[in-house]
């Protein structure tokens, strides 16, 4: 699975992308977020308030219950604001 991080998430986590194998038992966005936070460090800090993090799976906005699999691209980013 390819993970992409944008804006301040990228800064707090320390990378803009990474390739990971989907851990056993992680089947949806909620499970992925829980696993990522459990990695500690910058992940725990960046993802502490899941309510403000937006997620896209294969370039489509995702809900917490959206299923994920090993071949997916998952992007995490803060809310988009405009002016």
Protein backbone atom coordinates (compact mmCIF):
# COMPACT_ATOMS: atom_id res chain seq x y z
CA UNK A 1 0.00 0.00 0.00
CA UNK A 2 1.25 3.46 -0.80
CA UNK A 3 0.62 6.13 1.83
CA UNK A 4 0.81 9.82 0.92
CA UNK A 5 0.95 12.65 3.47
CA UNK A 6 0.26 16.30 2.71
CA UNK A 7 0.77 19.75 4.28
CA UNK A 8 1.47 19.74 8.04
CA UNK A 9 0.87 15.98 8.25
CA UNK A 10 3.94 15.49 6.06
CA UNK A 11 5.96 17.76 8.33
CA UNK A 12 4.90 16.07 11.58
CA UNK A 13 5.30 12.53 10.26
CA UNK A 14 8.59 13.35 8.58
CA UNK A 15 7.94 12.01 5.08
CA UNK A 16 5.64 12.71 2.17
CA UNK A 17 5.09 9.06 1.25
CA UNK A 18 5.90 5.49 2.15
CA UNK A 19 5.16 1.95 1.04
CA UNK A 20 3.81 -0.38 3.73
CA UNK A 21 2.32 -3.83 3.87
CA UNK A 22 -1.17 -3.77 5.27
CA UNK A 23 -1.05 -5.26 8.78
CA UNK A 24 -3.21 -8.28 9.61
CA UNK A 25 -6.67 -7.25 10.74
CA UNK A 26 -6.57 -3.78 9.14
CA UNK A 27 -9.41 -3.76 6.63
CA UNK A 28 -10.73 -0.20 6.56
CA UNK A 29 -9.72 3.45 7.01
CA UNK A 30 -10.47 3.38 10.75
CA UNK A 31 -8.19 0.39 11.26
CA UNK A 32 -5.44 2.05 9.23
CA UNK A 33 -5.63 5.26 11.26
CA UNK A 34 -5.49 3.30 14.53
CA UNK A 35 -2.48 1.32 13.30
CA UNK A 36 -0.66 4.44 12.10
CA UNK A 37 -1.19 6.24 15.42
CA UNK A 38 0.12 3.15 17.18
CA UNK A 39 3.43 3.58 15.37
CA UNK A 40 4.06 6.44 17.81
CA UNK A 41 6.25 9.51 17.35
CA UNK A 42 5.20 11.86 14.60
CA UNK A 43 2.34 9.58 13.56
CA UNK A 44 0.67 9.81 16.97
CA UNK A 45 1.10 13.59 17.04
CA UNK A 46 -0.08 14.19 13.47
CA UNK A 47 -3.09 11.89 13.69
CA UNK A 48 -4.22 12.59 17.25
CA UNK A 49 -7.41 14.36 16.08
CA UNK A 50 -8.80 12.06 13.39
CA UNK A 51 -11.88 14.25 12.98
CA UNK A 52 -9.85 16.87 11.11
CA UNK A 53 -7.91 14.46 8.88
CA UNK A 54 -9.26 13.79 5.40
CA UNK A 55 -8.53 10.50 3.67
CA UNK A 56 -8.71 9.49 0.03
CA UNK A 57 -8.44 5.89 -1.15
CA UNK A 58 -7.38 5.59 -4.78
CA UNK A 59 -8.07 9.31 -5.27
CA UNK A 60 -11.65 9.14 -3.95
CA UNK A 61 -12.67 10.70 -0.64
CA UNK A 62 -13.11 7.94 1.92
CA UNK A 63 -15.21 7.43 5.03
CA UNK A 64 -13.99 5.63 8.16
CA UNK A 65 -15.66 2.41 7.03
CA UNK A 66 -14.18 2.50 3.50
CA UNK A 67 -12.40 -0.80 2.85
CA UNK A 68 -8.70 -0.82 1.99
CA UNK A 69 -6.34 -3.43 0.59
CA UNK A 70 -2.63 -3.88 -0.05
CA UNK A 71 -2.62 -2.45 -3.58
CA UNK A 72 -4.37 0.80 -2.66
CA UNK A 73 -3.04 4.34 -2.58
CA UNK A 74 -4.17 6.15 0.56
CA UNK A 75 -3.70 9.90 0.93
CA UNK A 76 -4.01 11.73 4.26
CA UNK A 77 -4.38 15.49 4.38
CA UNK A 78 -5.79 18.28 6.52
CA UNK A 79 -9.02 20.02 5.57
CA UNK A 80 -8.74 22.07 2.42
CA UNK A 81 -9.50 25.75 2.80
CA UNK A 82 -9.85 28.33 0.11
CA UNK A 83 -10.29 32.01 -0.24
